[in-house]
Amino acid sequence: MNEHQVDKIPVGVSACLLGEEVRFNGGHKFHSYIDKTLGEYFSFRSFCPEVDIGLGIPRRPIRLIRRDGDVACVDFEDDQLDYTQALIASADAQRSWQAGLCGFILKKDSPSCGMERAKVYDGKQTVRDGVGIFAERLMQNFPELPVEEEGRLGDAVLRENFIQRVYVMHRWRQLTSAGITVASLTDFHARHKLILMSHCQKTYRELGPVLASARKDTVAELAPRYIGILMSALKKRASRGDHVNVLQHIQGYLRDHLDTDDRAELVDALQRYRLGQLPLIVPITLLNHHFRKHPNDYISRSWYMHPYPPQMSLQNHI
């Protein structure tokens, strides 16, 4: 079954990562994987907050400093040229189009766009504990939005985590645009339950009562709380042990259909995956093989078994 949307998914991106010459030195930071690979599935909306607030190309660089306990974004040579409020206002001014995004990819280390560990000049020392001013406001305005920076996309686990969250958000946007109901919310949760279990068992247990409280007259009010909790939980890396627990749970639906050899093959694949000797795609492929012969409606509709287009090959990494 392939229910992935044919249309590309709207994702924001720092303009320099697409090769736009908007950096302080008139250059760019073109990222081939973002443009060529993710661009096959994502429709990018590029944006440079530094250009948006009127800084020229080329321009003097800016930096983050700690002043009176707060972090400010200032001219690299003149601390009195403070761009903090302008960058915050820029982020707020973009809310109308950002509200339709399913993710955002930011430029690492940038004083405007850095998602984490950006340099902050604190007196005579430099510490890497800052967040770009535009990025921070973006994440405050849309706390449920999947956000990642290009440097972290080189990590296979973080890359898959981000893309999985983008697809979950995309399906959520489709759900809400169609008009959310108790039945549609319940179905959405059921189809994402195994994904949630692989990331955070605690949140899985907490969301049950939240969902059970949904009523026709309260579901619209409950929906933002639900997606906020879900997306926060999905930020957590899914460990091999968590995946094995979910895969064993899925295997239980085949209890009456597997012979001794099939069970042994699955047990071996799960063990080798747990030990890091096989990628996740191997036990999932084995399970899908058995479910083709012994279909189960719940499993076939679960997004865990096919969270994004298989061509992305994200589960092939050991």
C-alpha atoms as a PDB file:
ATOM      1  CA  MET A   1       0.000   0.000   0.000  1.00  0.00           C
ATOM      2  CA  ASN A   2       1.341   3.449  -0.881  1.00  0.00           C
ATOM      3  CA  GLU A   3      -0.676   6.357   0.411  1.00  0.00           C
ATOM      4  CA  HIS A   4       2.118   8.904   0.291  1.00  0.00           C
ATOM      5  CA  GLN A   5       1.060  12.191  -1.232  1.00  0.00           C
ATOM      6  CA  VAL A   6       2.207  12.625  -4.819  1.00  0.00           C
ATOM      7  CA  ASP A   7       2.385  16.403  -4.436  1.00  0.00           C
ATOM      8  CA  LYS A   8       5.569  17.668  -2.825  1.00  0.00           C
ATOM      9  CA  ILE A   9       5.470  18.592   0.850  1.00  0.00           C
ATOM     10  CA  PRO A  10       6.003  22.287   1.733  1.00  0.00           C
ATOM     11  CA  VAL A  11       9.181  22.764   3.778  1.00  0.00           C
ATOM     12  CA  GLY A  12      10.984  25.995   4.661  1.00  0.00           C
ATOM     13  CA  VAL A  13      14.739  26.293   4.204  1.00  0.00           C
ATOM     14  CA  SER A  14      17.473  28.848   4.769  1.00  0.00           C
ATOM     15  CA  ALA A  15      17.996  30.373   1.334  1.00  0.00           C
ATOM     16  CA  CYS A  16      21.778  29.918   1.270  1.00  0.00           C
ATOM     17  CA  LEU A  17      21.352  26.127   1.456  1.00  0.00           C
ATOM     18  CA  LEU A  18      19.668  26.130  -1.954  1.00  0.00           C
ATOM     19  CA  GLY A  19      22.582  28.002  -3.500  1.00  0.00           C
ATOM     20  CA  GLU A  20      21.125  31.496  -3.264  1.00  0.00           C
ATOM     21  CA  GLU A  21      23.959  34.009  -2.890  1.00  0.00           C
ATOM     22  CA  VAL A  22      22.649  35.734   0.211  1.00  0.00           C
ATOM     23  CA  ARG A  23      25.441  35.254   2.728  1.00  0.00           C
ATOM     24  CA  PHE A  24      27.375  38.139   4.229  1.00  0.00           C
ATOM     25  CA  ASN A  25      30.238  37.595   1.764  1.00  0.00           C
ATOM     26  CA  GLY A  26      27.952  37.271  -1.238  1.00  0.00           C
ATOM     27  CA  GLY A  27      28.345  33.506  -1.279  1.00  0.00           C
ATOM     28  CA  HIS A  28      26.103  30.539  -0.520  1.00  0.00           C
ATOM     29  CA  LYS A  29      26.192  27.185   1.272  1.00  0.00           C
ATOM     30  CA  PHE A  30      24.570  24.976  -1.350  1.00  0.00           C
ATOM     31  CA  HIS A  31      23.667  21.595   0.097  1.00  0.00           C
ATOM     32  CA  SER A  32      23.326  18.915  -2.578  1.00  0.00           C
ATOM     33  CA  TYR A  33      21.383  16.391  -0.457  1.00  0.00           C
ATOM     34  CA  ILE A  34      18.776  18.984   0.468  1.00  0.00           C
ATOM     35  CA  ASP A  35      18.358  20.302  -3.055  1.00  0.00           C
ATOM     36  CA  LYS A  36      18.731  17.138  -5.123  1.00  0.00           C
ATOM     37  CA  THR A  37      17.455  14.352  -2.859  1.00  0.00           C
ATOM     38  CA  LEU A  38      14.980  15.963  -0.483  1.00  0.00           C
ATOM     39  CA  GLY A  39      13.932  18.240  -3.325  1.00  0.00           C
ATOM     40  CA  GLU A  40      12.401  15.193  -5.009  1.00  0.00           C
ATOM     41  CA  TYR A  41       9.829  15.036  -2.204  1.00  0.00           C
ATOM     42  CA  PHE A  42       9.766  18.506  -0.644  1.00  0.00           C
ATOM     43  CA  SER A  43       8.671  21.796  -2.180  1.00  0.00           C
ATOM     44  CA  PHE A  44      11.060  24.311  -0.639  1.00  0.00           C
ATOM     45  CA  ARG A  45      10.175  27.820   0.450  1.00  0.00           C
ATOM     46  CA  SER A  46      13.489  29.617   0.880  1.00  0.00           C
ATOM     47  CA  PHE A  47      14.027  32.577   3.171  1.00  0.00           C
ATOM     48  CA  CYS A  48      16.951  34.646   4.472  1.00  0.00           C
ATOM     49  CA  PRO A  49      16.047  36.752   7.512  1.00  0.00           C
ATOM     50  CA  GLU A  50      19.222  38.821   7.295  1.00  0.00           C
ATOM     51  CA  VAL A  51      18.349  39.979   3.801  1.00  0.00           C
ATOM     52  CA  ASP A  52      14.720  40.425   4.857  1.00  0.00           C
ATOM     53  CA  ILE A  53      15.650  42.979   7.530  1.00  0.00           C
ATOM     54  CA  GLY A  54      17.584  45.026   5.010  1.00  0.00           C
ATOM     55  CA  LEU A  55      21.167  43.918   5.485  1.00  0.00           C
ATOM     56  CA  GLY A  56      22.923  44.142   2.138  1.00  0.00           C
ATOM     57  CA  ILE A  57      24.838  41.625   0.043  1.00  0.00           C
ATOM     58  CA  PRO A  58      27.707  41.639   0.765  1.00  0.00           C
ATOM     59  CA  ARG A  59      27.514  42.985   4.330  1.00  0.00           C
ATOM     60  CA  ARG A  60      29.432  43.042   7.536  1.00  0.00           C
ATOM     61  CA  PRO A  61      28.874  39.823   9.486  1.00  0.00           C
ATOM     62  CA  ILE A  62      26.734  39.702  12.591  1.00  0.00           C
ATOM     63  CA  ARG A  63      27.183  37.731  15.807  1.00  0.00           C
ATOM     64  CA  LEU A  64      25.427  36.710  18.996  1.00  0.00           C
ATOM     65  CA  ILE A  65      26.582  38.296  22.259  1.00  0.00           C
ATOM     66  CA  ARG A  66      25.469  37.879  25.845  1.00  0.00           C
ATOM     67  CA  ARG A  67      24.599  41.232  27.348  1.00  0.00           C
ATOM     68  CA  ASP A  68      22.966  41.724  30.755  1.00  0.00           C
ATOM     69  CA  GLY A  69      22.031  38.047  30.805  1.00  0.00           C
ATOM     70  CA  ASP A  70      20.246  38.154  27.444  1.00  0.00           C
ATOM     71  CA  VAL A  71      21.464  37.113  24.015  1.00  0.00           C
ATOM     72  CA  ALA A  72      21.455  39.778  21.322  1.00  0.00           C
ATOM     73  CA  CYS A  73      22.370  39.755  17.635  1.00  0.00           C
ATOM     74  CA  VAL A  74      24.670  42.630  16.754  1.00  0.00           C
ATOM     75  CA  ASP A  75      27.103  43.859  14.111  1.00  0.00           C
ATOM     76  CA  PHE A  76      30.393  41.976  14.385  1.00  0.00           C
ATOM     77  CA  GLU A  77      32.390  45.200  14.756  1.00  0.00           C
ATOM     78  CA  ASP A  78      29.883  47.508  16.460  1.00  0.00           C
ATOM     79  CA  ASP A  79      27.822  46.113  19.334  1.00  0.00           C
ATOM     80  CA  GLN A  80      25.574  49.161  19.228  1.00  0.00           C
ATOM     81  CA  LEU A  81      24.138  48.027  15.898  1.00  0.00           C
ATOM     82  CA  ASP A  82      21.584  45.617  17.351  1.00  0.00           C
ATOM     83  CA  TYR A  83      19.435  43.529  14.982  1.00  0.00           C
ATOM     84  CA  THR A  84      17.690  41.381  17.588  1.00  0.00           C
ATOM     85  CA  GLN A  85      14.250  42.963  17.452  1.00  0.00           C
ATOM     86  CA  ALA A  86      14.365  43.268  13.674  1.00  0.00           C
ATOM     87  CA  LEU A  87      15.010  39.506  13.338  1.00  0.00           C
ATOM     88  CA  ILE A  88      12.210  38.718  15.792  1.00  0.00           C
ATOM     89  CA  ALA A  89       9.857  40.967  13.824  1.00  0.00           C
ATOM     90  CA  SER A  90      10.945  39.272  10.597  1.00  0.00           C
ATOM     91  CA  ALA A  91      10.056  35.856  12.004  1.00  0.00           C
ATOM     92  CA  ASP A  92       6.668  37.108  13.194  1.00  0.00           C
ATOM     93  CA  ALA A  93       5.947  38.678   9.809  1.00  0.00           C
ATOM     94  CA  GLN A  94       6.384  35.280   8.097  1.00  0.00           C
ATOM     95  CA  ARG A  95       3.844  33.449  10.249  1.00  0.00           C
ATOM     96  CA  SER A  96       1.105  33.390   7.609  1.00  0.00           C
ATOM     97  CA  TRP A  97       3.075  31.267   5.127  1.00  0.00           C
ATOM     98  CA  GLN A  98       5.054  29.373   7.749  1.00  0.00           C
ATOM     99  CA  ALA A  99       1.771  28.120   9.227  1.00  0.00           C
ATOM    100  CA  GLY A 100       1.338  25.891   6.167  1.00  0.00           C
ATOM    101  CA  LEU A 101       4.798  24.317   6.332  1.00  0.00           C
ATOM    102  CA  CYS A 102       5.474  20.742   7.402  1.00  0.00           C
ATOM    103  CA  GLY A 103       9.117  21.344   8.365  1.00  0.00           C
ATOM    104  CA  PHE A 104      12.018  23.776   8.240  1.00  0.00           C
ATOM    105  CA  ILE A 105      15.734  23.232   7.528  1.00  0.00           C
ATOM    106  CA  LEU A 106      18.024  25.878   9.003  1.00  0.00           C
ATOM    107  CA  LYS A 107      21.663  26.892   8.471  1.00  0.00           C
ATOM    108  CA  LYS A 108      23.819  25.655  11.325  1.00  0.00           C
ATOM    109  CA  ASP A 109      25.957  28.086  13.375  1.00  0.00           C
ATOM    110  CA  SER A 110      24.153  31.103  11.948  1.00  0.00           C
ATOM    111  CA  PRO A 111      23.419  33.974  14.403  1.00  0.00           C
ATOM    112  CA  SER A 112      20.046  34.306  12.714  1.00  0.00           C
ATOM    113  CA  CYS A 113      19.206  30.713  11.676  1.00  0.00           C
ATOM    114  CA  GLY A 114      21.249  28.385  13.917  1.00  0.00           C
ATOM    115  CA  MET A 115      18.999  25.852  15.642  1.00  0.00           C
ATOM    116  CA  GLU A 116      21.405  25.028  18.476  1.00  0.00           C
ATOM    117  CA  ARG A 117      25.006  25.412  19.633  1.00  0.00           C
ATOM    118  CA  ALA A 118      25.516  28.715  17.799  1.00  0.00           C
ATOM    119  CA  LYS A 119      28.494  30.781  19.009  1.00  0.00           C
ATOM    120  CA  VAL A 120      27.735  33.359  21.682  1.00  0.00           C
ATOM    121  CA  TYR A 121      30.426  35.889  22.595  1.00  0.00           C
ATOM    122  CA  ASP A 122      30.370  36.274  26.348  1.00  0.00           C
ATOM    123  CA  GLY A 123      33.001  38.757  27.454  1.00  0.00           C
ATOM    124  CA  LYS A 124      36.364  37.334  26.508  1.00  0.00           C
ATOM    125  CA  GLN A 125      35.152  33.796  25.879  1.00  0.00           C
ATOM    126  CA  THR A 126      32.996  32.144  23.249  1.00  0.00           C
ATOM    127  CA  VAL A 127      30.446  29.519  24.207  1.00  0.00           C
ATOM    128  CA  ARG A 128      28.368  27.321  21.931  1.00  0.00           C
ATOM    129  CA  ASP A 129      25.018  27.510  23.651  1.00  0.00           C
ATOM    130  CA  GLY A 130      23.148  29.952  21.443  1.00  0.00           C
ATOM    131  CA  VAL A 131      20.178  29.780  19.122  1.00  0.00           C
ATOM    132  CA  GLY A 132      19.808  32.052  16.107  1.00  0.00           C
ATOM    133  CA  ILE A 133      17.335  34.851  16.779  1.00  0.00           C
ATOM    134  CA  PHE A 134      15.111  34.081  13.786  1.00  0.00           C
ATOM    135  CA  ALA A 135      15.279  30.333  14.447  1.00  0.00           C
ATOM    136  CA  GLU A 136      14.376  30.746  18.096  1.00  0.00           C
ATOM    137  CA  ARG A 137      11.326  32.829  17.253  1.00  0.00           C
ATOM    138  CA  LEU A 138      10.265  30.396  14.526  1.00  0.00           C
ATOM    139  CA  MET A 139      10.358  27.517  17.017  1.00  0.00           C
ATOM    140  CA  GLN A 140       8.479  29.579  19.605  1.00  0.00           C
ATOM    141  CA  ASN A 141       5.778  30.470  17.088  1.00  0.00           C
ATOM    142  CA  PHE A 142       5.429  26.865  15.868  1.00  0.00           C
ATOM    143  CA  PRO A 143       6.630  24.512  18.633  1.00  0.00           C
ATOM    144  CA  GLU A 144       5.135  21.479  16.876  1.00  0.00           C
ATOM    145  CA  LEU A 145       6.917  22.165  13.568  1.00  0.00           C
ATOM    146  CA  PRO A 146       9.727  19.709  12.664  1.00  0.00           C
ATOM    147  CA  VAL A 147      12.914  21.796  12.551  1.00  0.00           C
ATOM    148  CA  GLU A 148      16.417  20.609  11.747  1.00  0.00           C
ATOM    149  CA  GLU A 149      19.687  22.143  10.613  1.00  0.00           C
ATOM    150  CA  GLU A 150      21.688  20.960   7.653  1.00  0.00           C
ATOM    151  CA  GLY A 151      24.733  19.877   9.653  1.00  0.00           C
ATOM    152  CA  ARG A 152      22.709  17.334  11.626  1.00  0.00           C
ATOM    153  CA  LEU A 153      21.231  15.806   8.453  1.00  0.00           C
ATOM    154  CA  GLY A 154      24.535  13.974   8.051  1.00  0.00           C
ATOM    155  CA  ASP A 155      23.544  11.793  11.021  1.00  0.00           C
ATOM    156  CA  ALA A 156      21.411   8.919   9.648  1.00  0.00           C
ATOM    157  CA  VAL A 157      19.262   8.675  12.795  1.00  0.00           C
ATOM    158  CA  LEU A 158      18.613  12.423  13.003  1.00  0.00           C
ATOM    159  CA  ARG A 159      17.923  12.576   9.267  1.00  0.00           C
ATOM    160  CA  GLU A 160      15.331   9.814   9.459  1.00  0.00           C
ATOM    161  CA  ASN A 161      13.811  11.338  12.587  1.00  0.00           C
ATOM    162  CA  PHE A 162      13.345  14.695  10.881  1.00  0.00           C
ATOM    163  CA  ILE A 163      11.903  13.277   7.662  1.00  0.00           C
ATOM    164  CA  GLN A 164       9.556  10.993   9.576  1.00  0.00           C
ATOM    165  CA  ARG A 165       8.275  13.997  11.542  1.00  0.00           C
ATOM    166  CA  VAL A 166       7.794  15.983   8.324  1.00  0.00           C
ATOM    167  CA  TYR A 167       5.577  13.221   6.946  1.00  0.00           C
ATOM    168  CA  VAL A 168       3.606  12.996  10.201  1.00  0.00           C
ATOM    169  CA  MET A 169       3.040  16.761  10.109  1.00  0.00           C
ATOM    170  CA  HIS A 170       2.046  16.541   6.448  1.00  0.00           C
ATOM    171  CA  ARG A 171      -0.606  13.958   7.264  1.00  0.00           C
ATOM    172  CA  TRP A 172      -1.764  16.134  10.169  1.00  0.00           C
ATOM    173  CA  ARG A 173      -2.147  19.146   7.858  1.00  0.00           C
ATOM    174  CA  GLN A 174      -4.223  17.001   5.499  1.00  0.00           C
ATOM    175  CA  LEU A 175      -6.379  15.811   8.407  1.00  0.00           C
ATOM    176  CA  THR A 176      -7.070  19.282   9.766  1.00  0.00           C
ATOM    177  CA  SER A 177      -7.712  20.800   6.328  1.00  0.00           C
ATOM    178  CA  ALA A 178     -10.418  18.187   5.769  1.00  0.00           C
ATOM    179  CA  GLY A 179     -12.061  19.111   9.073  1.00  0.00           C
ATOM    180  CA  ILE A 180     -11.082  17.150  12.146  1.00  0.00           C
ATOM    181  CA  THR A 181     -13.600  14.854  13.823  1.00  0.00           C
ATOM    182  CA  VAL A 182     -13.410  12.441  16.733  1.00  0.00           C
ATOM    183  CA  ALA A 183     -13.368   9.537  14.279  1.00  0.00           C
ATOM    184  CA  SER A 184     -10.614  11.016  12.086  1.00  0.00           C
ATOM    185  CA  LEU A 185      -8.468  11.930  15.100  1.00  0.00           C
ATOM    186  CA  THR A 186      -8.884   8.433  16.531  1.00  0.00           C
ATOM    187  CA  ASP A 187      -7.900   6.903  13.179  1.00  0.00           C
ATOM    188  CA  PHE A 188      -4.884   9.220  12.885  1.00  0.00           C
ATOM    189  CA  HIS A 189      -3.708   8.151  16.325  1.00  0.00           C
ATOM    190  CA  ALA A 190      -4.244   4.461  15.605  1.00  0.00           C
ATOM    191  CA  ARG A 191      -2.182   4.655  12.416  1.00  0.00           C
ATOM    192  CA  HIS A 192       0.669   6.454  14.209  1.00  0.00           C
ATOM    193  CA  LYS A 193       0.531   4.498  17.456  1.00  0.00           C
ATOM    194  CA  LEU A 194       3.424   2.161  16.635  1.00  0.00           C
ATOM    195  CA  ILE A 195       5.606   5.076  15.523  1.00  0.00           C
ATOM    196  CA  LEU A 196       4.889   6.800  18.835  1.00  0.00           C
ATOM    197  CA  MET A 197       5.650   3.590  20.745  1.00  0.00           C
ATOM    198  CA  SER A 198       9.066   3.408  19.075  1.00  0.00           C
ATOM    199  CA  HIS A 199       9.928   6.922  20.292  1.00  0.00           C
ATOM    200  CA  CYS A 200       8.347   7.248  23.729  1.00  0.00           C
ATOM    201  CA  GLN A 201       6.326   4.648  25.615  1.00  0.00           C
ATOM    202  CA  LYS A 202       5.524   7.190  28.346  1.00  0.00           C
ATOM    203  CA  THR A 203       3.866   9.592  25.906  1.00  0.00           C
ATOM    204  CA  TYR A 204       2.042   6.681  24.277  1.00  0.00           C
ATOM    205  CA  ARG A 205       0.467   5.882  27.644  1.00  0.00           C
ATOM    206  CA  GLU A 206      -0.313   9.550  28.347  1.00  0.00           C
ATOM    207  CA  LEU A 207      -2.004  10.211  25.012  1.00  0.00           C
ATOM    208  CA  GLY A 208      -4.556   7.426  25.462  1.00  0.00           C
ATOM    209  CA  PRO A 209      -6.616   9.293  28.087  1.00  0.00           C
ATOM    210  CA  VAL A 210      -6.241  12.555  26.141  1.00  0.00           C
ATOM    211  CA  LEU A 211      -7.704  10.925  23.069  1.00  0.00           C
ATOM    212  CA  ALA A 212     -10.428   9.200  25.076  1.00  0.00           C
ATOM    213  CA  SER A 213     -11.645  12.590  26.299  1.00  0.00           C
ATOM    214  CA  ALA A 214     -12.370  13.817  22.750  1.00  0.00           C
ATOM    215  CA  ARG A 215     -15.988  14.738  22.069  1.00  0.00           C
ATOM    216  CA  LYS A 216     -17.703  16.257  19.065  1.00  0.00           C
ATOM    217  CA  ASP A 217     -17.871  19.656  20.751  1.00  0.00           C
ATOM    218  CA  THR A 218     -14.298  19.550  22.145  1.00  0.00           C
ATOM    219  CA  VAL A 219     -12.242  17.841  19.435  1.00  0.00           C
ATOM    220  CA  ALA A 220     -11.266  21.112  17.699  1.00  0.00           C
ATOM    221  CA  GLU A 221      -9.952  22.465  20.992  1.00  0.00           C
ATOM    222  CA  LEU A 222      -8.184  19.214  21.865  1.00  0.00           C
ATOM    223  CA  ALA A 223      -6.453  18.772  18.492  1.00  0.00           C
ATOM    224  CA  PRO A 224      -3.663  21.369  19.019  1.00  0.00           C
ATOM    225  CA  ARG A 225      -2.841  19.835  22.402  1.00  0.00           C
ATOM    226  CA  TYR A 226      -2.728  16.365  20.883  1.00  0.00           C
ATOM    227  CA  ILE A 227      -0.390  17.241  18.006  1.00  0.00           C
ATOM    228  CA  GLY A 228       1.850  19.260  20.315  1.00  0.00           C
ATOM    229  CA  ILE A 229       2.343  16.275  22.621  1.00  0.00           C
ATOM    230  CA  LEU A 230       2.825  13.870  19.706  1.00  0.00           C
ATOM    231  CA  MET A 231       5.381  15.973  17.843  1.00  0.00           C
ATOM    232  CA  SER A 232       7.338  16.659  21.013  1.00  0.00           C
ATOM    233  CA  ALA A 233       7.594  12.917  21.688  1.00  0.00           C
ATOM    234  CA  LEU A 234       8.702  12.181  18.119  1.00  0.00           C
ATOM    235  CA  LYS A 235      11.738  14.436  18.551  1.00  0.00           C
ATOM    236  CA  LYS A 236      13.206  11.754  20.797  1.00  0.00           C
ATOM    237  CA  ARG A 237      15.503   9.355  18.987  1.00  0.00           C
ATOM    238  CA  ALA A 238      14.023   5.895  18.581  1.00  0.00           C
ATOM    239  CA  SER A 239      16.574   3.423  19.942  1.00  0.00           C
ATOM    240  CA  ARG A 240      17.221  -0.048  18.570  1.00  0.00           C
ATOM    241  CA  GLY A 241      15.686  -1.489  21.715  1.00  0.00           C
ATOM    242  CA  ASP A 242      12.526   0.580  21.243  1.00  0.00           C
ATOM    243  CA  HIS A 243      12.251  -0.560  17.632  1.00  0.00           C
ATOM    244  CA  VAL A 244      12.739  -4.191  18.639  1.00  0.00           C
ATOM    245  CA  ASN A 245       9.931  -3.884  21.200  1.00  0.00           C
ATOM    246  CA  VAL A 246       7.595  -2.538  18.512  1.00  0.00           C
ATOM    247  CA  LEU A 247       8.675  -5.156  15.962  1.00  0.00           C
ATOM    248  CA  GLN A 248       8.045  -7.928  18.485  1.00  0.00           C
ATOM    249  CA  HIS A 249       4.620  -6.419  19.146  1.00  0.00           C
ATOM    250  CA  ILE A 250       3.924  -6.496  15.390  1.00  0.00           C
ATOM    251  CA  GLN A 251       5.203 -10.058  15.158  1.00  0.00           C
ATOM    252  CA  GLY A 252       2.521 -11.045  17.655  1.00  0.00           C
ATOM    253  CA  TYR A 253      -0.127 -10.475  14.990  1.00  0.00           C
ATOM    254  CA  LEU A 254       1.462 -13.352  13.050  1.00  0.00           C
ATOM    255  CA  ARG A 255       1.515 -15.755  15.988  1.00  0.00           C
ATOM    256  CA  ASP A 256      -0.881 -18.223  14.397  1.00  0.00           C
ATOM    257  CA  HIS A 257       0.647 -18.045  10.924  1.00  0.00           C
ATOM    258  CA  LEU A 258       4.402 -18.603  11.290  1.00  0.00           C
ATOM    259  CA  ASP A 259       6.059 -21.993  11.286  1.00  0.00           C
ATOM    260  CA  THR A 260       9.160 -22.773  13.320  1.00  0.00           C
ATOM    261  CA  ASP A 261      11.605 -21.732  10.607  1.00  0.00           C
ATOM    262  CA  ASP A 262       9.824 -18.426   9.945  1.00  0.00           C
ATOM    263  CA  ARG A 263       9.812 -17.575  13.651  1.00  0.00           C
ATOM    264  CA  ALA A 264      13.494 -18.452  13.953  1.00  0.00           C
ATOM    265  CA  GLU A 265      14.336 -16.274  10.958  1.00  0.00           C
ATOM    266  CA  LEU A 266      12.491 -13.321  12.484  1.00  0.00           C
ATOM    267  CA  VAL A 267      14.050 -13.806  15.908  1.00  0.00           C
ATOM    268  CA  ASP A 268      17.492 -13.913  14.300  1.00  0.00           C
ATOM    269  CA  ALA A 269      16.820 -10.755  12.248  1.00  0.00           C
ATOM    270  CA  LEU A 270      15.600  -8.867  15.311  1.00  0.00           C
ATOM    271  CA  GLN A 271      18.594  -9.931  17.344  1.00  0.00           C
ATOM    272  CA  ARG A 272      21.059  -8.962  14.623  1.00  0.00           C
ATOM    273  CA  TYR A 273      19.298  -5.618  14.198  1.00  0.00           C
ATOM    274  CA  ARG A 274      19.482  -5.024  17.964  1.00  0.00           C
ATOM    275  CA  LEU A 275      23.235  -5.716  17.837  1.00  0.00           C
ATOM    276  CA  GLY A 276      23.717  -3.265  14.967  1.00  0.00           C
ATOM    277  CA  GLN A 277      24.539  -5.948  12.408  1.00  0.00           C
ATOM    278  CA  LEU A 278      21.495  -5.302  10.188  1.00  0.00           C
ATOM    279  CA  PRO A 279      19.584  -2.155   9.210  1.00  0.00           C
ATOM    280  CA  LEU A 280      15.985  -1.669  10.308  1.00  0.00           C
ATOM    281  CA  ILE A 281      14.693  -2.337   6.803  1.00  0.00           C
ATOM    282  CA  VAL A 282      15.578  -6.049   7.077  1.00  0.00           C
ATOM    283  CA  PRO A 283      13.154  -7.081   9.866  1.00  0.00           C
ATOM    284  CA  ILE A 284      10.512  -4.705   8.489  1.00  0.00           C
ATOM    285  CA  THR A 285      10.825  -6.292   5.029  1.00  0.00           C
ATOM    286  CA  LEU A 286      10.538  -9.761   6.551  1.00  0.00           C
ATOM    287  CA  LEU A 287       7.417  -8.777   8.461  1.00  0.00           C
ATOM    288  CA  ASN A 288       5.860  -7.139   5.400  1.00  0.00           C
ATOM    289  CA  HIS A 289       6.547 -10.352   3.470  1.00  0.00           C
ATOM    290  CA  HIS A 290       4.561 -12.375   5.997  1.00  0.00           C
ATOM    291  CA  PHE A 291       1.737  -9.839   6.184  1.00  0.00           C
ATOM    292  CA  ARG A 292       1.334  -9.997   2.399  1.00  0.00           C
ATOM    293  CA  LYS A 293       0.539 -13.680   2.842  1.00  0.00           C
ATOM    294  CA  HIS A 294      -1.470 -13.126   6.047  1.00  0.00           C
ATOM    295  CA  PRO A 295      -2.972  -9.625   5.803  1.00  0.00           C
ATOM    296  CA  ASN A 296      -3.926  -7.696   8.912  1.00  0.00           C
ATOM    297  CA  ASP A 297      -5.869  -4.478   8.445  1.00  0.00           C
ATOM    298  CA  TYR A 298      -4.425  -2.728  11.488  1.00  0.00           C
ATOM    299  CA  ILE A 299      -0.826  -3.467  10.527  1.00  0.00           C
ATOM    300  CA  SER A 300      -1.364  -2.629   6.853  1.00  0.00           C
ATOM    301  CA  ARG A 301      -2.737   0.782   7.839  1.00  0.00           C
ATOM    302  CA  SER A 302      -0.023   1.509  10.368  1.00  0.00           C
ATOM    303  CA  TRP A 303       2.414   4.166   9.181  1.00  0.00           C
ATOM    304  CA  TYR A 304       5.211   2.468  11.116  1.00  0.00           C
ATOM    305  CA  MET A 305       5.608  -0.089   8.359  1.00  0.00           C
ATOM    306  CA  HIS A 306       5.910   2.564   5.619  1.00  0.00           C
ATOM    307  CA  PRO A 307       6.461   6.016   7.195  1.00  0.00           C
ATOM    308  CA  TYR A 308       7.675   7.681   3.988  1.00  0.00           C
ATOM    309  CA  PRO A 309       8.354   6.698   0.343  1.00  0.00           C
ATOM    310  CA  PRO A 310      10.595   3.615   0.225  1.00  0.00           C
ATOM    311  CA  GLN A 311      12.763   5.307  -2.415  1.00  0.00           C
ATOM    312  CA  MET A 312      14.216   7.504   0.338  1.00  0.00           C
ATOM    313  CA  SER A 313      15.981   4.379   1.717  1.00  0.00           C
ATOM    314  CA  LEU A 314      16.239   5.903   5.190  1.00  0.00           C
ATOM    315  CA  GLN A 315      15.953   2.587   7.023  1.00  0.00           C
ATOM    316  CA  ASN A 316      18.883   1.055   5.144  1.00  0.00           C
ATOM    317  CA  HIS A 317      21.520   2.515   7.450  1.00  0.00           C
ATOM    318  CA  ILE A 318      23.080   0.361  10.158  1.00  0.00           C
END
